[in-house]
């Protein structure tokens, strides 16, 4: 999702995009990868997950490959700008703090105010920004709930705190972040990142059939599965207005790895998606 949108924005600015992707090059591109080609990505370089024991090692290898390519471009006299996996934490924090302000302005017109925002949490940049926005524009009164799609809650909370401290320092603010404001649940990941779960499928189908809104299978589908389960357990008791942040990603529904999940008759799910 991030790569696709970056290519689109770069096109508007007249810039070339060189992508470094995790996975094996498919014979026929589908989903986001197909859109990358339609958008005219200049180059795609692949890092094979089978060469690495853990997801963390794979991420580090991918970022190292991006730096190698950037250095090659510099030697050729070009000026590359390297965007890491999930964007730079400071940038995403400031951007999604602005999202909270935009949300408040839109809801004020409807005479509403959000009590809770629920979001998918992957690299944690989105949730970091939402918490910062809650602190800046709502005195921390908006509860931000992250549903992990890959990492452990403990690790994500630590990352969010580091990111918040960096953003607060950069902005020259004097803000303290209460521990209870950093709320992450990791019980909805399933076997792993991008691996479909029955709960995700049911959440995607429920919203599609009740509201006509499509979620994606990697992020928002699992986040909605978490929201529905937490609501059933009474986790949002007392909240009058709950906002689910739809962060996009619908093209993943059409990927070769994910599409069979939604037309299979049983509850059999394929392995990890690229």
Protein backbone atom coordinates (compact mmCIF):
# COMPACT_ATOMS: atom_id res chain seq x y z
CA UNK A 1 0.00 0.00 0.00
CA UNK A 2 2.72 2.42 1.01
CA UNK A 3 4.79 1.73 -2.10
CA UNK A 4 1.79 2.14 -4.41
CA UNK A 5 0.83 5.50 -2.95
CA UNK A 6 4.44 6.68 -2.95
CA UNK A 7 4.73 5.90 -6.67
CA UNK A 8 1.50 7.81 -7.35
CA UNK A 9 2.68 10.87 -5.40
CA UNK A 10 6.11 10.74 -7.03
CA UNK A 11 4.44 10.74 -10.44
CA UNK A 12 2.66 13.99 -9.57
CA UNK A 13 6.03 15.51 -8.62
CA UNK A 14 7.85 14.25 -11.69
CA UNK A 15 10.06 11.85 -9.71
CA UNK A 16 11.10 8.27 -10.48
CA UNK A 17 10.42 5.56 -7.91
CA UNK A 18 12.70 2.60 -7.19
CA UNK A 19 10.92 0.02 -5.04
CA UNK A 20 12.44 -2.64 -2.81
CA UNK A 21 9.87 -5.33 -2.02
CA UNK A 22 9.91 -8.35 0.25
CA UNK A 23 8.96 -11.57 -1.47
CA UNK A 24 9.49 -13.52 -4.69
CA UNK A 25 8.78 -11.97 -8.06
CA UNK A 26 5.50 -13.48 -9.31
CA UNK A 27 4.93 -14.59 -12.89
CA UNK A 28 1.86 -12.38 -13.15
CA UNK A 29 1.50 -9.29 -10.91
CA UNK A 30 -1.79 -8.88 -9.06
CA UNK A 31 -3.18 -6.56 -6.39
CA UNK A 32 -0.90 -3.69 -5.39
CA UNK A 33 1.95 -5.00 -7.53
CA UNK A 34 -0.17 -4.76 -10.66
CA UNK A 35 -0.99 -1.16 -9.75
CA UNK A 36 2.72 -0.45 -9.21
CA UNK A 37 3.34 -1.47 -12.81
CA UNK A 38 0.38 0.54 -14.11
CA UNK A 39 1.70 3.58 -12.24
CA UNK A 40 5.06 3.12 -13.95
CA UNK A 41 7.47 2.20 -11.14
CA UNK A 42 10.99 2.68 -12.52
CA UNK A 43 12.58 -0.37 -10.89
CA UNK A 44 11.54 -3.17 -8.53
CA UNK A 45 14.11 -5.09 -6.51
CA UNK A 46 13.14 -8.20 -4.54
CA UNK A 47 14.38 -9.50 -1.18
CA UNK A 48 13.53 -13.18 -0.69
CA UNK A 49 11.99 -13.97 2.74
CA UNK A 50 13.33 -17.54 2.58
CA UNK A 51 16.85 -16.19 3.13
CA UNK A 52 15.98 -14.85 6.60
CA UNK A 53 14.91 -16.58 9.80
CA UNK A 54 12.70 -13.82 11.22
CA UNK A 55 10.55 -10.96 9.96
CA UNK A 56 12.85 -8.50 11.77
CA UNK A 57 15.87 -9.79 9.85
CA UNK A 58 13.93 -9.54 6.61
CA UNK A 59 12.96 -5.93 7.31
CA UNK A 60 16.58 -5.02 8.12
CA UNK A 61 17.79 -6.69 4.93
CA UNK A 62 15.20 -4.84 2.87
CA UNK A 63 16.20 -1.48 4.31
CA UNK A 64 19.89 -2.32 3.79
CA UNK A 65 19.17 -3.11 0.13
CA UNK A 66 17.39 0.23 -0.23
CA UNK A 67 20.46 2.01 1.14
CA UNK A 68 22.71 0.11 -1.28
CA UNK A 69 20.56 1.20 -4.21
CA UNK A 70 20.55 4.77 -2.95
CA UNK A 71 24.34 4.76 -2.85
CA UNK A 72 24.47 3.44 -6.42
CA UNK A 73 22.21 6.30 -7.51
CA UNK A 74 24.43 8.85 -5.76
CA UNK A 75 27.47 7.51 -7.59
CA UNK A 76 25.57 8.11 -10.83
CA UNK A 77 24.99 11.72 -9.84
CA UNK A 78 21.36 11.38 -8.77
CA UNK A 79 19.84 12.57 -5.49
CA UNK A 80 17.76 9.77 -3.94
CA UNK A 81 15.41 10.14 -0.98
CA UNK A 82 15.08 6.89 0.96
CA UNK A 83 11.74 6.18 2.63
CA UNK A 84 11.98 3.33 5.17
CA UNK A 85 9.41 0.62 5.78
CA UNK A 86 6.23 2.25 7.09
CA UNK A 87 7.58 5.80 6.56
CA UNK A 88 9.79 7.76 8.94
CA UNK A 89 8.17 7.78 12.41
CA UNK A 90 8.37 11.56 12.77
CA UNK A 91 6.64 12.16 9.45
CA UNK A 92 3.81 9.73 10.14
CA UNK A 93 3.34 11.11 13.65
CA UNK A 94 2.89 14.67 12.40
CA UNK A 95 0.68 13.56 9.49
CA UNK A 96 -1.72 11.53 11.61
CA UNK A 97 -1.85 14.19 14.30
CA UNK A 98 -3.24 16.32 11.48
CA UNK A 99 -5.71 13.54 10.74
CA UNK A 100 -7.13 13.95 14.25
CA UNK A 101 -7.59 17.69 13.70
CA UNK A 102 -9.34 17.02 10.38
CA UNK A 103 -11.56 14.42 12.04
CA UNK A 104 -12.53 16.82 14.82
CA UNK A 105 -13.41 19.53 12.31
CA UNK A 106 -15.58 17.17 10.27
CA UNK A 107 -17.36 15.76 13.30
CA UNK A 108 -17.98 19.19 14.79
CA UNK A 109 -20.17 19.97 11.78
CA UNK A 110 -22.27 16.94 12.75
CA UNK A 111 -22.33 18.02 16.40
CA UNK A 112 -20.30 14.95 17.34
CA UNK A 113 -17.02 14.35 19.14
CA UNK A 114 -15.00 11.10 19.03
CA UNK A 115 -14.53 9.22 22.27
CA UNK A 116 -12.50 6.37 20.75
CA UNK A 117 -10.50 5.86 17.55
CA UNK A 118 -9.67 2.29 16.52
CA UNK A 119 -6.90 1.67 14.00
CA UNK A 120 -4.73 -1.11 12.63
CA UNK A 121 -1.22 -1.06 14.06
CA UNK A 122 1.67 -2.35 11.94
CA UNK A 123 4.80 -0.20 12.08
CA UNK A 124 2.93 1.96 14.65
CA UNK A 125 3.28 5.29 12.81
CA UNK A 126 -0.46 5.76 12.39
CA UNK A 127 -1.24 5.10 16.04
CA UNK A 128 1.65 7.32 17.15
CA UNK A 129 0.19 10.23 15.21
CA UNK A 130 -3.35 9.64 16.45
CA UNK A 131 -2.18 9.69 20.05
CA UNK A 132 -0.18 12.86 19.39
CA UNK A 133 -3.27 14.41 17.82
CA UNK A 134 -5.36 13.42 20.82
CA UNK A 135 -2.85 15.16 23.09
CA UNK A 136 -2.56 18.27 20.91
CA UNK A 137 -6.17 18.83 19.93
CA UNK A 138 -8.27 17.01 22.56
CA UNK A 139 -6.19 17.18 25.75
CA UNK A 140 -5.67 13.43 25.49
CA UNK A 141 -9.37 12.78 25.90
CA UNK A 142 -9.68 10.71 22.72
CA UNK A 143 -8.84 7.09 23.44
CA UNK A 144 -6.76 5.53 20.64
CA UNK A 145 -6.94 1.75 20.34
CA UNK A 146 -4.46 -0.08 18.11
CA UNK A 147 -5.10 -3.58 16.79
CA UNK A 148 -1.78 -5.19 15.95
CA UNK A 149 -1.45 -6.88 12.56
CA UNK A 150 2.03 -8.27 13.17
CA UNK A 151 4.00 -7.40 16.32
CA UNK A 152 3.64 -8.07 20.01
CA UNK A 153 1.70 -5.44 21.96
CA UNK A 154 4.59 -4.86 24.37
CA UNK A 155 7.03 -4.10 21.56
CA UNK A 156 4.57 -1.84 19.75
CA UNK A 157 3.82 0.15 22.89
CA UNK A 158 7.55 0.72 23.41
CA UNK A 159 7.97 1.81 19.78
CA UNK A 160 5.01 4.20 20.02
CA UNK A 161 6.47 5.79 23.15
CA UNK A 162 9.84 6.30 21.44
CA UNK A 163 8.15 7.78 18.39
CA UNK A 164 6.03 10.10 20.53
CA UNK A 165 9.05 11.32 22.47
CA UNK A 166 10.84 12.06 19.18
CA UNK A 167 7.87 13.98 17.77
CA UNK A 168 7.26 15.95 20.97
CA UNK A 169 10.94 16.89 21.14
CA UNK A 170 11.02 17.92 17.47
CA UNK A 171 7.97 20.14 17.93
CA UNK A 172 9.46 21.71 21.06
CA UNK A 173 6.47 20.77 23.18
CA UNK A 174 6.17 20.04 26.87
CA UNK A 175 3.81 17.10 26.89
CA UNK A 176 3.70 14.01 29.04
CA UNK A 177 2.22 10.81 27.65
CA UNK A 178 0.22 8.77 30.17
CA UNK A 179 0.94 5.07 29.89
CA UNK A 180 -2.76 4.25 29.57
CA UNK A 181 -2.97 6.36 26.40
CA UNK A 182 -0.81 3.81 24.54
CA UNK A 183 -3.26 0.95 24.06
CA UNK A 184 -2.47 -1.98 21.75
CA UNK A 185 -4.07 -5.42 21.41
CA UNK A 186 -2.21 -8.27 19.71
CA UNK A 187 -4.77 -11.07 19.94
CA UNK A 188 -6.03 -10.73 16.37
CA UNK A 189 -2.84 -11.25 14.35
CA UNK A 190 -3.46 -14.96 13.82
CA UNK A 191 -0.54 -17.07 12.57
CA UNK A 192 1.31 -14.01 11.30
CA UNK A 193 1.44 -10.84 9.23
CA UNK A 194 -0.78 -11.01 6.12
CA UNK A 195 -1.88 -14.54 7.01
CA UNK A 196 -5.69 -14.66 6.71
CA UNK A 197 -7.85 -15.62 9.67
CA UNK A 198 -11.50 -16.69 9.86
CA UNK A 199 -12.24 -13.63 12.03
CA UNK A 200 -10.76 -11.31 9.42
CA UNK A 201 -12.84 -12.87 6.66
CA UNK A 202 -16.02 -12.57 8.69
CA UNK A 203 -15.27 -8.92 9.53
CA UNK A 204 -14.58 -8.03 5.89
CA UNK A 205 -17.74 -9.77 4.70
CA UNK A 206 -19.87 -8.28 7.48
CA UNK A 207 -18.93 -4.69 6.66
CA UNK A 208 -19.25 -5.29 2.92
CA UNK A 209 -22.71 -6.81 3.24
CA UNK A 210 -24.09 -4.48 5.90
CA UNK A 211 -22.50 -1.15 4.93
CA UNK A 212 -21.17 -1.61 1.39
CA UNK A 213 -17.65 -0.75 2.60
CA UNK A 214 -14.65 -2.86 1.61
CA UNK A 215 -11.84 -3.54 4.07
CA UNK A 216 -8.49 -5.07 3.21
CA UNK A 217 -7.37 -8.51 4.44
CA UNK A 218 -4.01 -7.48 5.91
CA UNK A 219 -4.73 -4.38 8.02
CA UNK A 220 -8.27 -3.08 8.32
CA UNK A 221 -9.88 -6.52 8.15
CA UNK A 222 -7.99 -7.71 11.22
CA UNK A 223 -8.49 -4.35 12.92
CA UNK A 224 -12.25 -4.61 12.42
CA UNK A 225 -12.19 -8.19 13.72
CA UNK A 226 -10.52 -6.81 16.85
CA UNK A 227 -13.01 -3.98 17.18
CA UNK A 228 -15.99 -6.33 16.94
CA UNK A 229 -14.56 -8.72 19.51
CA UNK A 230 -13.59 -5.96 21.95
CA UNK A 231 -17.03 -4.37 21.60
CA UNK A 232 -18.68 -7.70 22.36
CA UNK A 233 -16.50 -7.98 25.46
CA UNK A 234 -17.56 -4.52 26.66
CA UNK A 235 -14.21 -2.80 26.07
CA UNK A 236 -15.91 0.34 24.75
CA UNK A 237 -18.60 0.58 27.39
CA UNK A 238 -19.50 4.21 28.05
CA UNK A 239 -18.19 5.49 24.72
CA UNK A 240 -20.82 7.38 22.76
CA UNK A 241 -18.90 7.89 19.51
CA UNK A 242 -16.41 5.35 18.23
CA UNK A 243 -14.46 6.00 15.00
CA UNK A 244 -12.88 3.22 12.96
CA UNK A 245 -10.01 4.59 10.88
CA UNK A 246 -10.02 2.98 7.44
CA UNK A 247 -6.40 3.20 6.26
CA UNK A 248 -7.04 1.76 2.79
CA UNK A 249 -5.33 -1.26 1.25
CA UNK A 250 -8.31 -2.63 -0.70
CA UNK A 251 -6.11 -3.73 -3.69
CA UNK A 252 -4.79 -6.53 -1.45
CA UNK A 253 -8.19 -8.21 -1.82
CA UNK A 254 -7.27 -8.93 -5.43
CA UNK A 255 -3.83 -10.39 -4.74
CA UNK A 256 -3.17 -14.00 -5.70
CA UNK A 257 -2.51 -14.88 -2.06
CA UNK A 258 -5.63 -13.30 -0.57
CA UNK A 259 -8.41 -13.61 -3.16
CA UNK A 260 -9.03 -17.37 -2.65
CA UNK A 261 -9.92 -16.68 0.99
CA UNK A 262 -13.15 -15.00 -0.07
CA UNK A 263 -14.46 -17.43 -2.64
CA UNK A 264 -13.54 -20.67 -0.89
CA UNK A 265 -16.54 -22.46 0.57
CA UNK A 266 -14.85 -23.66 3.74
CA UNK A 267 -12.70 -22.14 6.44
CA UNK A 268 -9.42 -23.18 4.82
CA UNK A 269 -6.90 -20.39 4.57
CA UNK A 270 -3.69 -20.18 2.50
CA UNK A 271 -0.23 -19.51 3.86
CA UNK A 272 1.53 -16.14 4.31
CA UNK A 273 0.90 -13.54 1.64
CA UNK A 274 3.63 -11.47 0.06
